[in-house]
Amino acid sequence: MEVFKKSIFVLFSIILLTSCSGSEEVDDKIEEITNFVLDVEKLGNGEVRANFSATNASFFKISFGTPGEVPNRVDGNTASYTYTEKGDYTIVVQAHSTESIFVVSTKMVNMNAESLGLGPNSGYTSPESYEGYKLVWSDEFNSPTISEDWTFELGDGCPELCGWGNQELEYYKKENTSIVDGNLVITAKRESAGGRQYTSSRLITKGKQSFTYGRIDIRALLPKGQGLWPALWMLGENIDEVSWPKCGEIDIMELVGGSVDDRDRTIHGTVHWDNGGSYANYGGSTKLSTGIFNDEFHVFSIEWDPEKIVWLLDGEEYHVIDITPAGLDEFHKPMFFIFNVAVGGIWPGSPDGSTVFPQEMKVDYIRVFQEE
């Protein structure tokens, strides 16, 4: 019996060695996949085409990053797909020697409003009315010229406030603002004026339209890029009497442009005030889940009442402050609006080689609602 067991063991060992030897011979014949190239083209209206090639690849599989999708085998070296929803999609291509031996290459593609062919005015739109509120002032920017509710602040802030108190690099000009297709357009340019290397615009409603409390909606498309600093904000109407920050400041929206740290997809809402003779501020931020604020219009809002200020993006709350403490008296007085696009400054830093000019901030409308 023992001899029989030994014979079986020897026979099994021979079969195993033969099998392993055969596998090695097969593997030796499989050449390494090299020179794997993947390129993705946006063809418009949501369609993309992936082109791929690799030395020693027998065939390819691809997935376009949609939920639940698995890589499918394709004929040739190209494949197309049409997206219907905005988002960031990761295209995955597998170059196969055999079914189980392959290498992988990926490309991320952002399908924004422009890529999907949704038109230049696409994006979120807020309601035209709210229950319990009445519209007390708005500017829809549908007239051929800018309303008399707005006044331009010009220059670079010098000599009293050079760089507008923030070491900004632009020179504000009236000519950088226009009304185009029902939008107020502020254009930041790389051009010399007043000893500065950049120009832009800054508009205010001081002495014309100021408000205490209410729901404020501003629909806008923002510029992008390192060094750009668009803002939609408010200052106390009494600024000339008490100065800043005693007048108070409500930043409905600020964006500090750039691709680093998702800057082009992040906005900030902040308040600034005087705290017993010292400066104080309190802010929050929110980030788009996909795309950037230059892709399409969004609505930047605050809900401001005697107890709090709430910041919203496209109708969704992302920040709030309690303004009932006595030290926050600034936020119970009239404030006027400021729209501007700064270039450079303490917060964003200067433009660099990646910054593309001109850049535009387009404002579709501003609406102020107050309780009935």
Protein backbone atom coordinates (compact mmCIF):
# COMPACT_ATOMS: atom_id res chain seq x y z
CA MET A 1 0.00 0.00 0.00
CA GLU A 2 2.84 2.40 0.85
CA VAL A 3 4.51 1.73 -2.52
CA PHE A 4 1.23 2.53 -4.28
CA LYS A 5 0.97 5.90 -2.47
CA LYS A 6 4.53 6.79 -3.46
CA SER A 7 3.81 5.92 -7.08
CA ILE A 8 0.73 8.15 -7.10
CA PHE A 9 2.76 11.03 -5.57
CA VAL A 10 5.52 10.71 -8.19
CA LEU A 11 2.98 10.62 -11.03
CA PHE A 12 1.18 13.73 -9.68
CA SER A 13 4.51 15.57 -9.34
CA ILE A 14 5.40 14.79 -12.96
CA ILE A 15 2.00 16.07 -14.17
CA LEU A 16 2.34 19.24 -12.07
CA LEU A 17 5.83 20.00 -13.35
CA THR A 18 4.78 19.39 -16.92
CA SER A 19 1.80 21.72 -16.47
CA CYS A 20 3.92 24.50 -14.94
CA SER A 21 6.55 24.11 -17.63
CA GLY A 22 3.90 24.41 -20.34
CA SER A 23 2.45 27.57 -18.75
CA GLU A 24 5.85 29.21 -18.65
CA GLU A 25 6.37 28.46 -22.30
CA VAL A 26 3.01 30.12 -23.12
CA ASP A 27 3.78 33.15 -20.93
CA ASP A 28 7.15 33.57 -22.62
CA LYS A 29 5.33 34.08 -25.91
CA ILE A 30 3.15 36.95 -24.56
CA GLU A 31 4.94 40.22 -25.29
CA GLU A 32 4.65 43.19 -22.97
CA ILE A 33 2.07 45.87 -23.87
CA THR A 34 3.83 49.20 -24.43
CA ASN A 35 3.21 52.66 -25.92
CA PHE A 36 -0.35 52.83 -24.57
CA VAL A 37 -1.92 56.11 -25.75
CA LEU A 38 -5.43 57.34 -24.87
CA ASP A 39 -6.94 60.56 -26.21
CA VAL A 40 -10.49 61.86 -25.66
CA GLU A 41 -12.23 64.39 -27.93
CA LYS A 42 -15.36 66.38 -27.09
CA LEU A 43 -17.50 66.48 -30.23
CA GLY A 44 -20.32 68.67 -28.87
CA ASN A 45 -23.85 68.07 -27.60
CA GLY A 46 -22.53 65.57 -25.05
CA GLU A 47 -20.72 63.30 -27.50
CA VAL A 48 -17.13 62.21 -26.87
CA ARG A 49 -14.80 60.00 -28.86
CA ALA A 50 -11.99 57.98 -27.29
CA ASN A 51 -9.01 57.09 -29.46
CA PHE A 52 -6.50 54.55 -28.18
CA SER A 53 -3.57 52.43 -29.31
CA ALA A 54 -0.95 50.17 -27.74
CA THR A 55 1.86 48.01 -29.03
CA ASN A 56 1.20 44.24 -28.67
CA ALA A 57 -2.47 44.74 -27.69
CA SER A 58 -4.82 42.10 -29.13
CA PHE A 59 -8.00 44.02 -28.29
CA PHE A 60 -9.43 46.80 -26.09
CA LYS A 61 -12.24 47.23 -23.58
CA ILE A 62 -13.73 50.58 -22.50
CA SER A 63 -16.13 52.08 -19.99
CA PHE A 64 -17.27 55.72 -20.03
CA GLY A 65 -17.69 56.11 -16.28
CA THR A 66 -21.45 55.97 -15.99
CA PRO A 67 -23.02 54.36 -12.88
CA GLY A 68 -22.89 50.56 -12.92
CA GLU A 69 -21.04 50.38 -16.23
CA VAL A 70 -18.43 47.65 -16.81
CA PRO A 71 -15.73 47.69 -19.52
CA ASN A 72 -17.00 46.33 -22.84
CA ARG A 73 -14.91 44.97 -25.70
CA VAL A 74 -14.72 47.19 -28.78
CA ASP A 75 -13.64 46.62 -32.34
CA GLY A 76 -10.73 48.70 -33.54
CA ASN A 77 -9.09 51.66 -31.82
CA THR A 78 -11.94 54.08 -31.23
CA ALA A 79 -15.25 54.29 -29.35
CA SER A 80 -17.89 57.00 -28.91
CA TYR A 81 -20.49 57.83 -26.30
CA THR A 82 -23.08 60.59 -25.73
CA TYR A 83 -23.57 61.92 -22.20
CA THR A 84 -26.85 63.50 -21.13
CA GLU A 85 -26.05 64.61 -17.58
CA LYS A 86 -23.51 67.11 -16.25
CA GLY A 87 -20.66 65.63 -14.25
CA ASP A 88 -17.05 64.48 -14.09
CA TYR A 89 -16.66 61.08 -15.75
CA THR A 90 -13.62 58.79 -15.74
CA ILE A 91 -13.12 56.95 -19.02
CA VAL A 92 -11.29 53.64 -18.51
CA VAL A 93 -9.62 51.79 -21.38
CA GLN A 94 -8.04 48.32 -21.03
CA ALA A 95 -5.45 47.15 -23.55
CA HIS A 96 -5.53 43.32 -23.56
CA SER A 97 -2.94 40.70 -24.53
CA THR A 98 -5.37 38.02 -23.38
CA GLU A 99 -8.69 38.15 -21.58
CA SER A 100 -6.92 38.12 -18.20
CA ILE A 101 -3.72 40.00 -19.05
CA PHE A 102 -4.14 43.73 -19.71
CA VAL A 103 -3.02 47.22 -18.77
CA VAL A 104 -5.24 50.19 -17.96
CA SER A 105 -5.30 53.88 -18.91
CA THR A 106 -7.82 56.49 -17.71
CA LYS A 107 -8.94 59.99 -18.65
CA MET A 108 -11.30 62.27 -16.73
CA VAL A 109 -13.75 64.30 -18.82
CA ASN A 110 -15.93 67.11 -17.47
CA MET A 111 -19.32 67.40 -19.10
CA ASN A 112 -20.46 70.92 -18.29
CA ALA A 113 -23.31 72.94 -19.79
CA GLU A 114 -21.22 73.96 -22.78
CA SER A 115 -20.09 70.37 -23.45
CA LEU A 116 -23.71 69.18 -23.36
CA GLY A 117 -24.81 71.94 -25.72
CA LEU A 118 -27.20 73.48 -23.20
CA GLY A 119 -26.63 77.06 -24.38
CA PRO A 120 -24.95 80.17 -22.97
CA ASN A 121 -27.73 80.97 -20.48
CA SER A 122 -27.91 77.52 -18.90
CA GLY A 123 -27.76 76.91 -15.19
CA TYR A 124 -29.88 77.30 -12.08
CA THR A 125 -32.69 79.88 -12.02
CA SER A 126 -34.35 80.98 -8.79
CA PRO A 127 -38.11 81.48 -8.29
CA GLU A 128 -39.60 84.83 -9.27
CA SER A 129 -41.58 84.99 -6.01
CA TYR A 130 -41.60 83.58 -2.47
CA GLU A 131 -44.60 83.03 -0.22
CA GLY A 132 -44.90 85.78 2.37
CA TYR A 133 -42.48 88.07 0.51
CA LYS A 134 -42.84 90.87 -2.02
CA LEU A 135 -40.34 92.02 -4.62
CA VAL A 136 -39.15 95.49 -3.56
CA TRP A 137 -36.35 96.07 -6.09
CA SER A 138 -34.68 94.27 -8.97
CA ASP A 139 -32.51 94.83 -11.98
CA GLU A 140 -32.96 92.31 -14.78
CA PHE A 141 -30.41 94.11 -17.01
CA ASN A 142 -32.76 93.98 -19.98
CA SER A 143 -32.35 97.65 -20.91
CA PRO A 144 -29.73 98.66 -23.50
CA THR A 145 -27.92 100.81 -20.94
CA ILE A 146 -27.00 100.44 -17.28
CA SER A 147 -29.67 101.64 -14.84
CA GLU A 148 -29.23 104.90 -12.94
CA ASP A 149 -29.37 102.81 -9.78
CA TRP A 150 -25.69 102.04 -10.36
CA THR A 151 -22.63 104.28 -10.01
CA PHE A 152 -19.08 103.41 -11.13
CA GLU A 153 -16.14 103.56 -8.75
CA LEU A 154 -13.08 104.32 -10.86
CA GLY A 155 -9.31 104.07 -10.58
CA ASP A 156 -7.12 102.09 -8.21
CA GLY A 157 -8.27 103.60 -4.91
CA CYS A 158 -5.29 105.94 -4.63
CA PRO A 159 -4.29 108.06 -2.86
CA GLU A 160 -6.55 107.29 0.11
CA LEU A 161 -6.94 103.53 -0.42
CA CYS A 162 -4.40 102.33 -2.98
CA GLY A 163 -5.16 98.82 -4.21
CA TRP A 164 -8.63 99.25 -2.65
CA GLY A 165 -7.21 98.17 0.71
CA ASN A 166 -6.38 94.69 -0.57
CA GLN A 167 -3.24 95.26 -2.69
CA GLU A 168 -5.33 94.72 -5.82
CA LEU A 169 -3.66 95.19 -9.19
CA GLU A 170 -6.49 96.47 -11.39
CA TYR A 171 -7.56 99.94 -12.51
CA TYR A 172 -11.35 100.26 -12.60
CA LYS A 173 -12.86 101.74 -15.75
CA LYS A 174 -16.44 102.37 -16.84
CA GLU A 175 -15.65 100.96 -20.29
CA ASN A 176 -15.16 97.47 -18.88
CA THR A 177 -18.88 97.12 -18.17
CA SER A 178 -21.58 96.50 -20.76
CA ILE A 179 -25.08 95.09 -21.20
CA VAL A 180 -25.04 92.05 -23.52
CA ASP A 181 -28.03 89.79 -24.22
CA GLY A 182 -29.79 90.73 -21.01
CA ASN A 183 -26.71 90.38 -18.80
CA LEU A 184 -24.54 92.89 -17.00
CA VAL A 185 -21.00 91.99 -18.11
CA ILE A 186 -17.90 93.07 -16.18
CA THR A 187 -14.72 92.30 -18.11
CA ALA A 188 -11.26 92.01 -16.57
CA LYS A 189 -8.47 92.65 -19.07
CA ARG A 190 -4.71 92.51 -19.21
CA GLU A 191 -4.05 96.09 -20.32
CA SER A 192 -2.27 99.15 -19.00
CA ALA A 193 -4.20 102.03 -17.43
CA GLY A 194 -3.41 104.48 -14.66
CA GLY A 195 -0.05 102.84 -14.02
CA ARG A 196 -1.67 99.41 -13.55
CA GLN A 197 -1.35 96.36 -15.78
CA TYR A 198 -4.97 95.20 -15.52
CA THR A 199 -8.38 96.83 -15.89
CA SER A 200 -11.86 95.89 -14.70
CA SER A 201 -15.04 97.51 -13.31
CA ARG A 202 -16.70 98.15 -9.96
CA LEU A 203 -20.34 99.26 -9.62
CA ILE A 204 -22.25 100.35 -6.49
CA THR A 205 -25.83 101.31 -5.57
CA LYS A 206 -24.75 103.63 -2.76
CA GLY A 207 -27.20 106.50 -2.31
CA LYS A 208 -29.56 104.86 -4.82
CA GLN A 209 -30.67 101.48 -3.50
CA SER A 210 -29.98 100.23 0.02
CA PHE A 211 -31.83 97.70 2.17
CA THR A 212 -32.13 96.25 5.65
CA TYR A 213 -33.18 92.59 5.71
CA GLY A 214 -34.74 90.50 2.97
CA ARG A 215 -34.14 87.63 0.57
CA ILE A 216 -31.55 88.58 -2.07
CA ASP A 217 -30.96 86.49 -5.21
CA ILE A 218 -28.19 87.20 -7.69
CA ARG A 219 -27.86 84.97 -10.77
CA ALA A 220 -24.36 85.14 -12.22
CA LEU A 221 -21.68 83.32 -14.20
CA LEU A 222 -18.21 83.84 -12.74
CA PRO A 223 -14.74 84.29 -14.25
CA LYS A 224 -11.98 81.77 -13.64
CA GLY A 225 -8.23 81.62 -13.23
CA GLN A 226 -5.41 82.39 -10.84
CA GLY A 227 -5.58 85.96 -9.57
CA LEU A 228 -9.26 86.61 -10.42
CA TRP A 229 -11.45 87.76 -7.53
CA PRO A 230 -15.13 88.36 -8.41
CA ALA A 231 -17.43 89.57 -5.64
CA LEU A 232 -21.12 90.33 -5.09
CA TRP A 233 -21.35 92.12 -1.76
CA MET A 234 -22.78 94.85 0.46
CA LEU A 235 -21.50 97.68 2.64
CA GLY A 236 -23.26 99.83 5.23
CA GLU A 237 -24.80 103.01 3.80
CA ASN A 238 -23.18 104.91 6.69
CA ILE A 239 -19.60 104.07 5.61
CA ASP A 240 -18.67 107.73 5.06
CA GLU A 241 -19.64 108.56 8.65
CA VAL A 242 -18.25 105.59 10.58
CA SER A 243 -15.74 104.06 8.09
CA TRP A 244 -15.01 100.36 7.61
CA PRO A 245 -15.46 97.94 9.37
CA LYS A 246 -17.90 99.82 11.63
CA CYS A 247 -20.27 100.14 8.68
CA GLY A 248 -20.40 96.34 8.34
CA GLU A 249 -19.92 94.20 5.26
CA ILE A 250 -21.89 91.25 3.88
CA ASP A 251 -20.12 89.24 1.18
CA ILE A 252 -22.93 87.43 -0.59
CA MET A 253 -20.40 85.70 -2.86
CA GLU A 254 -16.66 85.79 -3.35
CA LEU A 255 -14.56 83.47 -5.50
CA VAL A 256 -10.78 83.31 -5.38
CA GLY A 257 -9.88 81.98 -8.81
CA GLY A 258 -7.44 79.24 -9.73
CA SER A 259 -7.25 75.50 -10.24
CA VAL A 260 -5.21 74.88 -7.05
CA ASP A 261 -7.27 73.60 -4.10
CA ASP A 262 -10.46 73.65 -6.23
CA ARG A 263 -10.58 77.44 -6.09
CA ASP A 264 -12.57 77.79 -9.32
CA ARG A 265 -15.30 75.56 -7.89
CA THR A 266 -15.44 77.12 -4.39
CA ILE A 267 -17.32 80.23 -3.23
CA HIS A 268 -17.27 82.03 0.10
CA GLY A 269 -19.90 83.90 2.13
CA THR A 270 -18.60 86.18 4.89
CA VAL A 271 -19.49 89.08 7.21
CA HIS A 272 -17.06 91.70 8.53
CA TRP A 273 -17.67 94.07 11.45
CA ASP A 274 -16.11 96.11 14.25
CA ASN A 275 -15.69 94.21 17.49
CA GLY A 276 -15.10 96.75 20.23
CA GLY A 277 -12.51 98.61 18.21
CA SER A 278 -10.95 95.56 16.55
CA TYR A 279 -11.78 93.89 13.27
CA ALA A 280 -13.85 90.67 13.21
CA ASN A 281 -15.18 88.38 10.52
CA TYR A 282 -17.04 85.11 10.16
CA GLY A 283 -17.33 83.12 6.94
CA GLY A 284 -18.20 79.82 5.34
CA SER A 285 -17.73 78.24 1.93
CA THR A 286 -19.18 75.62 -0.36
CA LYS A 287 -17.85 73.67 -3.33
CA LEU A 288 -19.47 72.38 -6.52
CA SER A 289 -19.53 68.61 -6.76
CA THR A 290 -18.61 68.83 -10.44
CA GLY A 291 -17.42 71.52 -12.80
CA ILE A 292 -16.51 75.11 -11.94
CA PHE A 293 -18.46 78.36 -11.54
CA ASN A 294 -17.36 79.48 -15.00
CA ASP A 295 -19.31 76.64 -16.63
CA GLU A 296 -22.81 78.03 -16.20
CA PHE A 297 -25.00 80.40 -14.20
CA HIS A 298 -25.66 79.88 -10.49
CA VAL A 299 -27.78 81.81 -8.01
CA PHE A 300 -26.04 83.30 -4.97
CA SER A 301 -28.43 84.27 -2.18
CA ILE A 302 -28.80 85.43 1.38
CA GLU A 303 -31.80 85.34 3.68
CA TRP A 304 -31.33 88.23 6.11
CA ASP A 305 -33.65 88.95 9.02
CA PRO A 306 -33.30 90.48 12.52
CA GLU A 307 -31.97 87.20 13.91
CA LYS A 308 -29.64 85.74 11.28
CA ILE A 309 -28.05 85.83 7.86
CA VAL A 310 -28.18 82.62 5.85
CA TRP A 311 -26.11 82.03 2.71
CA LEU A 312 -27.43 79.82 -0.10
CA LEU A 313 -26.12 78.44 -3.38
CA ASP A 314 -28.82 77.49 -5.88
CA GLY A 315 -31.37 77.49 -3.08
CA GLU A 316 -29.36 75.27 -0.72
CA GLU A 317 -28.13 76.65 2.61
CA TYR A 318 -24.39 76.37 3.31
CA HIS A 319 -23.60 78.98 6.00
CA VAL A 320 -25.38 80.97 8.73
CA ILE A 321 -24.59 83.56 11.41
CA ASP A 322 -26.61 84.67 14.42
CA ILE A 323 -26.75 88.48 14.38
CA THR A 324 -28.71 88.99 17.61
CA PRO A 325 -25.65 89.78 19.83
CA ALA A 326 -25.35 93.49 20.64
CA GLY A 327 -21.90 93.68 19.06
CA LEU A 328 -23.38 92.98 15.61
CA ASP A 329 -25.42 96.16 15.34
CA GLU A 330 -23.91 96.80 11.88
CA PHE A 331 -26.19 94.15 10.38
CA HIS A 332 -29.41 95.89 11.41
CA LYS A 333 -28.86 98.98 9.26
CA PRO A 334 -29.25 99.76 5.52
CA MET A 335 -26.63 98.39 3.14
CA PHE A 336 -25.91 99.00 -0.57
CA PHE A 337 -24.65 96.62 -3.24
CA ILE A 338 -21.23 96.33 -4.89
CA PHE A 339 -20.42 94.22 -7.98
CA ASN A 340 -16.78 93.99 -9.02
CA VAL A 341 -14.07 91.76 -10.45
CA ALA A 342 -10.72 92.41 -8.80
CA VAL A 343 -7.42 91.22 -10.23
CA GLY A 344 -4.75 90.16 -7.76
CA GLY A 345 -4.74 91.10 -4.11
CA ILE A 346 -3.86 89.70 -0.70
CA TRP A 347 -6.26 86.78 -0.93
CA PRO A 348 -6.01 85.48 -4.52
CA GLY A 349 -2.43 86.45 -5.27
CA SER A 350 -1.34 87.66 -8.69
CA PRO A 351 -2.23 86.19 -12.09
CA ASP A 352 0.36 83.82 -13.53
CA GLY A 353 1.11 82.10 -16.82
CA SER A 354 -2.00 79.95 -16.52
CA THR A 355 -4.39 82.92 -16.30
CA VAL A 356 -6.30 83.64 -19.50
CA PHE A 357 -7.57 87.17 -20.24
CA PRO A 358 -10.08 88.64 -20.81
CA GLN A 359 -12.33 87.16 -18.11
CA GLU A 360 -16.00 88.03 -17.59
CA MET A 361 -18.52 88.05 -14.77
CA LYS A 362 -22.05 88.01 -16.18
CA VAL A 363 -24.98 88.95 -13.95
CA ASP A 364 -28.43 87.95 -15.21
CA TYR A 365 -30.40 89.61 -12.42
CA ILE A 366 -30.47 90.86 -8.85
CA ARG A 367 -33.74 90.65 -6.89
CA VAL A 368 -34.56 91.88 -3.40
CA PHE A 369 -37.60 90.45 -1.60
CA GLN A 370 -38.87 91.59 1.79
CA GLU A 371 -41.56 90.25 4.08
CA GLU A 372 -45.04 91.53 3.36
